[in-house]
């Protein structure tokens, strides 16, 4: 029954994701937290928190923000957005039990990159939330199967780190994050 509901959720979300406007992207606010603590709900909450931070770190970025880099040996904000999109695919692919490969984002603009990153994270979190055993969600690189633990200290933590980097860079380029965002509560003051 859980598998049926998960497939139905994924099908519905996939079909409606193409019709989303920016205001309807996932993670404007954090979803309600589950009543129970399980490995799946905890992992899902970590991904949800990443989605919320990413949403607001990348909301209303301008071309000057995307080009900003504090020094020549650091990724620009735009390159960091691409890196987080890559990380979101690693997280998603582990929950879908798919192999990871090389991605090309050259045809995507910021709107599409944000949308895809947020959809990837939401889909992964929804799968994790209903899972009784997250050890099945290995990171797959060719013949290598890497345990889910590495998702926590790898792509999830790395992407959260980079959201902070984007927040810092955009502040330096004169476009700080909306001051009404409450990261602790996962809400936005109106």
C-alpha atoms as a PDB file:
ATOM      1  CA  UNK A   1       0.000   0.000   0.000  1.00  0.00           C
ATOM      2  CA  UNK A   2       2.838   2.403   0.880  1.00  0.00           C
ATOM      3  CA  UNK A   3       4.502   1.674  -2.455  1.00  0.00           C
ATOM      4  CA  UNK A   4       1.258   2.397  -4.310  1.00  0.00           C
ATOM      5  CA  UNK A   5       0.846   5.737  -2.492  1.00  0.00           C
ATOM      6  CA  UNK A   6       4.460   6.645  -3.181  1.00  0.00           C
ATOM      7  CA  UNK A   7       4.111   5.869  -6.894  1.00  0.00           C
ATOM      8  CA  UNK A   8       0.849   7.813  -7.053  1.00  0.00           C
ATOM      9  CA  UNK A   9       2.503  10.794  -5.299  1.00  0.00           C
ATOM     10  CA  UNK A  10       5.491  10.715  -7.648  1.00  0.00           C
ATOM     11  CA  UNK A  11       3.267  10.429 -10.730  1.00  0.00           C
ATOM     12  CA  UNK A  12       1.060  13.309  -9.622  1.00  0.00           C
ATOM     13  CA  UNK A  13       4.039  15.473  -8.649  1.00  0.00           C
ATOM     14  CA  UNK A  14       5.881  14.743 -11.915  1.00  0.00           C
ATOM     15  CA  UNK A  15       2.837  15.599 -14.025  1.00  0.00           C
ATOM     16  CA  UNK A  16       2.171  18.861 -12.214  1.00  0.00           C
ATOM     17  CA  UNK A  17       5.814  19.940 -11.895  1.00  0.00           C
ATOM     18  CA  UNK A  18       5.910  21.162 -15.498  1.00  0.00           C
ATOM     19  CA  UNK A  19       3.035  23.540 -14.703  1.00  0.00           C
ATOM     20  CA  UNK A  20       4.537  25.148 -11.603  1.00  0.00           C
ATOM     21  CA  UNK A  21       5.024  28.861 -11.374  1.00  0.00           C
ATOM     22  CA  UNK A  22       7.889  30.157  -9.298  1.00  0.00           C
ATOM     23  CA  UNK A  23       5.509  31.017  -6.475  1.00  0.00           C
ATOM     24  CA  UNK A  24       4.401  27.359  -6.375  1.00  0.00           C
ATOM     25  CA  UNK A  25       7.891  25.834  -6.175  1.00  0.00           C
ATOM     26  CA  UNK A  26       8.311  23.499  -3.213  1.00  0.00           C
ATOM     27  CA  UNK A  27       9.920  24.803  -0.030  1.00  0.00           C
ATOM     28  CA  UNK A  28       8.628  28.353   0.187  1.00  0.00           C
ATOM     29  CA  UNK A  29       8.115  27.154   3.757  1.00  0.00           C
ATOM     30  CA  UNK A  30       9.044  23.903   5.423  1.00  0.00           C
ATOM     31  CA  UNK A  31       6.328  21.254   5.428  1.00  0.00           C
ATOM     32  CA  UNK A  32       4.827  20.224   8.752  1.00  0.00           C
ATOM     33  CA  UNK A  33       7.065  17.817  10.581  1.00  0.00           C
ATOM     34  CA  UNK A  34       5.987  14.193  11.046  1.00  0.00           C
ATOM     35  CA  UNK A  35       4.580  12.969  14.334  1.00  0.00           C
ATOM     36  CA  UNK A  36       7.080  10.121  14.557  1.00  0.00           C
ATOM     37  CA  UNK A  37      10.845   9.986  14.470  1.00  0.00           C
ATOM     38  CA  UNK A  38      12.213   7.330  12.134  1.00  0.00           C
ATOM     39  CA  UNK A  39      15.336   7.134  10.021  1.00  0.00           C
ATOM     40  CA  UNK A  40      13.156   7.997   7.001  1.00  0.00           C
ATOM     41  CA  UNK A  41      11.443  11.001   8.576  1.00  0.00           C
ATOM     42  CA  UNK A  42      14.746  12.340   9.917  1.00  0.00           C
ATOM     43  CA  UNK A  43      16.496  11.986   6.548  1.00  0.00           C
ATOM     44  CA  UNK A  44      13.489  13.558   4.808  1.00  0.00           C
ATOM     45  CA  UNK A  45      13.567  16.506   7.213  1.00  0.00           C
ATOM     46  CA  UNK A  46      17.244  17.082   6.424  1.00  0.00           C
ATOM     47  CA  UNK A  47      16.416  17.195   2.718  1.00  0.00           C
ATOM     48  CA  UNK A  48      13.398  19.436   3.392  1.00  0.00           C
ATOM     49  CA  UNK A  49      15.624  21.827   5.372  1.00  0.00           C
ATOM     50  CA  UNK A  50      18.077  21.883   2.477  1.00  0.00           C
ATOM     51  CA  UNK A  51      15.215  22.632   0.076  1.00  0.00           C
ATOM     52  CA  UNK A  52      13.998  25.517   2.233  1.00  0.00           C
ATOM     53  CA  UNK A  53      17.481  27.018   2.518  1.00  0.00           C
ATOM     54  CA  UNK A  54      18.097  26.579  -1.198  1.00  0.00           C
ATOM     55  CA  UNK A  55      14.745  28.158  -2.090  1.00  0.00           C
ATOM     56  CA  UNK A  56      15.583  31.331  -0.190  1.00  0.00           C
ATOM     57  CA  UNK A  57      19.296  31.433  -1.018  1.00  0.00           C
ATOM     58  CA  UNK A  58      18.434  31.447  -4.733  1.00  0.00           C
ATOM     59  CA  UNK A  59      15.193  33.471  -4.680  1.00  0.00           C
ATOM     60  CA  UNK A  60      15.427  36.627  -6.835  1.00  0.00           C
ATOM     61  CA  UNK A  61      19.081  36.186  -7.818  1.00  0.00           C
ATOM     62  CA  UNK A  62      20.166  38.639 -10.493  1.00  0.00           C
ATOM     63  CA  UNK A  63      22.735  38.225 -13.258  1.00  0.00           C
ATOM     64  CA  UNK A  64      25.235  40.213 -11.211  1.00  0.00           C
ATOM     65  CA  UNK A  65      24.681  37.829  -8.285  1.00  0.00           C
ATOM     66  CA  UNK A  66      25.251  34.771 -10.485  1.00  0.00           C
ATOM     67  CA  UNK A  67      28.504  36.211 -11.828  1.00  0.00           C
ATOM     68  CA  UNK A  68      29.797  37.186  -8.378  1.00  0.00           C
ATOM     69  CA  UNK A  69      32.887  35.451  -7.035  1.00  0.00           C
ATOM     70  CA  UNK A  70      35.023  36.887  -4.238  1.00  0.00           C
ATOM     71  CA  UNK A  71      38.274  35.664  -5.845  1.00  0.00           C
ATOM     72  CA  UNK A  72      39.467  33.863  -8.953  1.00  0.00           C
ATOM     73  CA  UNK A  73      39.965  30.542  -7.164  1.00  0.00           C
ATOM     74  CA  UNK A  74      36.317  30.248  -6.008  1.00  0.00           C
ATOM     75  CA  UNK A  75      33.210  29.143  -7.904  1.00  0.00           C
ATOM     76  CA  UNK A  76      30.851  31.933  -8.929  1.00  0.00           C
ATOM     77  CA  UNK A  77      27.340  31.905  -7.490  1.00  0.00           C
ATOM     78  CA  UNK A  78      26.073  30.591 -10.837  1.00  0.00           C
ATOM     79  CA  UNK A  79      28.589  27.739 -10.787  1.00  0.00           C
ATOM     80  CA  UNK A  80      27.552  26.971  -7.208  1.00  0.00           C
ATOM     81  CA  UNK A  81      23.898  26.771  -8.290  1.00  0.00           C
ATOM     82  CA  UNK A  82      24.957  24.196 -10.909  1.00  0.00           C
ATOM     83  CA  UNK A  83      26.908  22.243  -8.287  1.00  0.00           C
ATOM     84  CA  UNK A  84      23.892  22.111  -5.969  1.00  0.00           C
ATOM     85  CA  UNK A  85      21.763  20.893  -8.883  1.00  0.00           C
ATOM     86  CA  UNK A  86      24.314  18.087  -9.376  1.00  0.00           C
ATOM     87  CA  UNK A  87      24.134  17.248  -5.661  1.00  0.00           C
ATOM     88  CA  UNK A  88      20.323  17.197  -5.783  1.00  0.00           C
ATOM     89  CA  UNK A  89      20.516  14.570  -8.520  1.00  0.00           C
ATOM     90  CA  UNK A  90      22.828  12.404  -6.382  1.00  0.00           C
ATOM     91  CA  UNK A  91      20.314  12.610  -3.515  1.00  0.00           C
ATOM     92  CA  UNK A  92      17.350  11.931  -5.807  1.00  0.00           C
ATOM     93  CA  UNK A  93      19.052   9.124  -7.720  1.00  0.00           C
ATOM     94  CA  UNK A  94      19.849   7.281  -4.496  1.00  0.00           C
ATOM     95  CA  UNK A  95      16.168   7.321  -3.491  1.00  0.00           C
ATOM     96  CA  UNK A  96      15.139   6.182  -6.990  1.00  0.00           C
ATOM     97  CA  UNK A  97      17.953   3.580  -7.000  1.00  0.00           C
ATOM     98  CA  UNK A  98      19.342   5.069 -10.235  1.00  0.00           C
ATOM     99  CA  UNK A  99      22.927   5.404 -11.397  1.00  0.00           C
ATOM    100  CA  UNK A 100      24.586   8.814 -11.313  1.00  0.00           C
ATOM    101  CA  UNK A 101      26.068  10.236 -14.485  1.00  0.00           C
ATOM    102  CA  UNK A 102      27.293  13.442 -16.052  1.00  0.00           C
ATOM    103  CA  UNK A 103      24.697  16.217 -16.416  1.00  0.00           C
ATOM    104  CA  UNK A 104      24.648  19.136 -18.866  1.00  0.00           C
ATOM    105  CA  UNK A 105      22.850  22.287 -17.737  1.00  0.00           C
ATOM    106  CA  UNK A 106      24.022  24.558 -20.556  1.00  0.00           C
ATOM    107  CA  UNK A 107      20.498  24.899 -21.969  1.00  0.00           C
ATOM    108  CA  UNK A 108      18.902  25.678 -18.593  1.00  0.00           C
ATOM    109  CA  UNK A 109      18.384  29.141 -17.156  1.00  0.00           C
ATOM    110  CA  UNK A 110      18.277  29.937 -13.436  1.00  0.00           C
ATOM    111  CA  UNK A 111      14.499  29.474 -13.295  1.00  0.00           C
ATOM    112  CA  UNK A 112      14.765  25.926 -14.672  1.00  0.00           C
ATOM    113  CA  UNK A 113      17.753  25.046 -12.473  1.00  0.00           C
ATOM    114  CA  UNK A 114      15.948  26.228  -9.334  1.00  0.00           C
ATOM    115  CA  UNK A 115      12.775  24.418 -10.301  1.00  0.00           C
ATOM    116  CA  UNK A 116      14.582  21.148 -11.048  1.00  0.00           C
ATOM    117  CA  UNK A 117      16.690  21.303  -7.883  1.00  0.00           C
ATOM    118  CA  UNK A 118      13.633  21.910  -5.701  1.00  0.00           C
ATOM    119  CA  UNK A 119      11.636  19.160  -7.436  1.00  0.00           C
ATOM    120  CA  UNK A 120      14.551  16.734  -7.041  1.00  0.00           C
ATOM    121  CA  UNK A 121      14.787  17.490  -3.327  1.00  0.00           C
ATOM    122  CA  UNK A 122      11.030  17.297  -2.742  1.00  0.00           C
ATOM    123  CA  UNK A 123      10.757  13.990  -4.585  1.00  0.00           C
ATOM    124  CA  UNK A 124      13.670  12.502  -2.618  1.00  0.00           C
ATOM    125  CA  UNK A 125      12.249  13.752   0.704  1.00  0.00           C
ATOM    126  CA  UNK A 126       8.826  12.299  -0.086  1.00  0.00           C
ATOM    127  CA  UNK A 127      10.377   8.891  -0.794  1.00  0.00           C
ATOM    128  CA  UNK A 128      12.494   9.002   2.371  1.00  0.00           C
ATOM    129  CA  UNK A 129       9.558  10.128   4.518  1.00  0.00           C
ATOM    130  CA  UNK A 130       7.602   6.915   3.890  1.00  0.00           C
ATOM    131  CA  UNK A 131      10.559   4.553   3.946  1.00  0.00           C
ATOM    132  CA  UNK A 132      10.985   1.953   6.664  1.00  0.00           C
ATOM    133  CA  UNK A 133      14.573   1.202   5.604  1.00  0.00           C
ATOM    134  CA  UNK A 134      16.732   3.982   4.178  1.00  0.00           C
ATOM    135  CA  UNK A 135      19.761   1.679   3.941  1.00  0.00           C
ATOM    136  CA  UNK A 136      18.333   0.559   0.575  1.00  0.00           C
ATOM    137  CA  UNK A 137      19.026   4.030  -0.900  1.00  0.00           C
ATOM    138  CA  UNK A 138      22.642   3.658  -1.911  1.00  0.00           C
ATOM    139  CA  UNK A 139      24.567   6.175  -4.001  1.00  0.00           C
ATOM    140  CA  UNK A 140      25.406   4.420  -7.266  1.00  0.00           C
ATOM    141  CA  UNK A 141      28.463   5.347  -9.322  1.00  0.00           C
ATOM    142  CA  UNK A 142      29.048   2.635 -11.900  1.00  0.00           C
ATOM    143  CA  UNK A 143      29.821  -0.571  -9.987  1.00  0.00           C
ATOM    144  CA  UNK A 144      30.260   1.300  -6.697  1.00  0.00           C
ATOM    145  CA  UNK A 145      27.452   1.203  -4.153  1.00  0.00           C
ATOM    146  CA  UNK A 146      27.979   3.765  -1.420  1.00  0.00           C
ATOM    147  CA  UNK A 147      25.813   3.576   1.745  1.00  0.00           C
ATOM    148  CA  UNK A 148      23.124   6.149   2.496  1.00  0.00           C
ATOM    149  CA  UNK A 149      25.302   7.464   5.351  1.00  0.00           C
ATOM    150  CA  UNK A 150      27.425   9.167   2.722  1.00  0.00           C
ATOM    151  CA  UNK A 151      24.377  11.104   1.509  1.00  0.00           C
ATOM    152  CA  UNK A 152      24.260  12.755   4.924  1.00  0.00           C
ATOM    153  CA  UNK A 153      27.906  13.787   5.172  1.00  0.00           C
ATOM    154  CA  UNK A 154      28.255  14.146   1.387  1.00  0.00           C
ATOM    155  CA  UNK A 155      25.652  15.719  -0.909  1.00  0.00           C
ATOM    156  CA  UNK A 156      23.125  16.829   1.729  1.00  0.00           C
ATOM    157  CA  UNK A 157      25.681  18.551   3.975  1.00  0.00           C
ATOM    158  CA  UNK A 158      27.653  19.873   1.018  1.00  0.00           C
ATOM    159  CA  UNK A 159      24.537  21.426  -0.534  1.00  0.00           C
ATOM    160  CA  UNK A 160      23.567  23.051   2.788  1.00  0.00           C
ATOM    161  CA  UNK A 161      27.108  24.431   3.023  1.00  0.00           C
ATOM    162  CA  UNK A 162      26.816  25.867  -0.491  1.00  0.00           C
ATOM    163  CA  UNK A 163      23.434  27.462   0.273  1.00  0.00           C
ATOM    164  CA  UNK A 164      25.219  29.441   2.979  1.00  0.00           C
ATOM    165  CA  UNK A 165      27.885  30.347   0.457  1.00  0.00           C
ATOM    166  CA  UNK A 166      25.257  31.661  -1.971  1.00  0.00           C
ATOM    167  CA  UNK A 167      23.643  33.647   0.867  1.00  0.00           C
ATOM    168  CA  UNK A 168      26.996  35.200   1.719  1.00  0.00           C
ATOM    169  CA  UNK A 169      27.913  35.910  -1.899  1.00  0.00           C
ATOM    170  CA  UNK A 170      24.577  37.550  -2.671  1.00  0.00           C
ATOM    171  CA  UNK A 171      24.910  39.754   0.412  1.00  0.00           C
ATOM    172  CA  UNK A 172      28.330  40.836  -0.904  1.00  0.00           C
ATOM    173  CA  UNK A 173      26.888  41.539  -4.346  1.00  0.00           C
ATOM    174  CA  UNK A 174      24.214  43.808  -2.809  1.00  0.00           C
ATOM    175  CA  UNK A 175      21.183  41.480  -2.909  1.00  0.00           C
ATOM    176  CA  UNK A 176      20.702  39.926   0.556  1.00  0.00           C
ATOM    177  CA  UNK A 177      18.155  37.206   1.315  1.00  0.00           C
ATOM    178  CA  UNK A 178      14.647  38.279   2.261  1.00  0.00           C
ATOM    179  CA  UNK A 179      14.926  39.350   5.932  1.00  0.00           C
ATOM    180  CA  UNK A 180      11.512  37.845   6.701  1.00  0.00           C
ATOM    181  CA  UNK A 181      12.804  34.284   6.281  1.00  0.00           C
ATOM    182  CA  UNK A 182      13.058  32.424   9.589  1.00  0.00           C
ATOM    183  CA  UNK A 183      15.427  29.502   9.005  1.00  0.00           C
ATOM    184  CA  UNK A 184      14.919  28.159  12.535  1.00  0.00           C
ATOM    185  CA  UNK A 185      11.144  27.813  12.143  1.00  0.00           C
ATOM    186  CA  UNK A 186      11.116  27.241   8.383  1.00  0.00           C
ATOM    187  CA  UNK A 187       8.634  30.046   7.810  1.00  0.00           C
ATOM    188  CA  UNK A 188       8.393  33.469   6.209  1.00  0.00           C
ATOM    189  CA  UNK A 189       6.869  36.464   7.984  1.00  0.00           C
ATOM    190  CA  UNK A 190       4.260  38.176   5.828  1.00  0.00           C
END
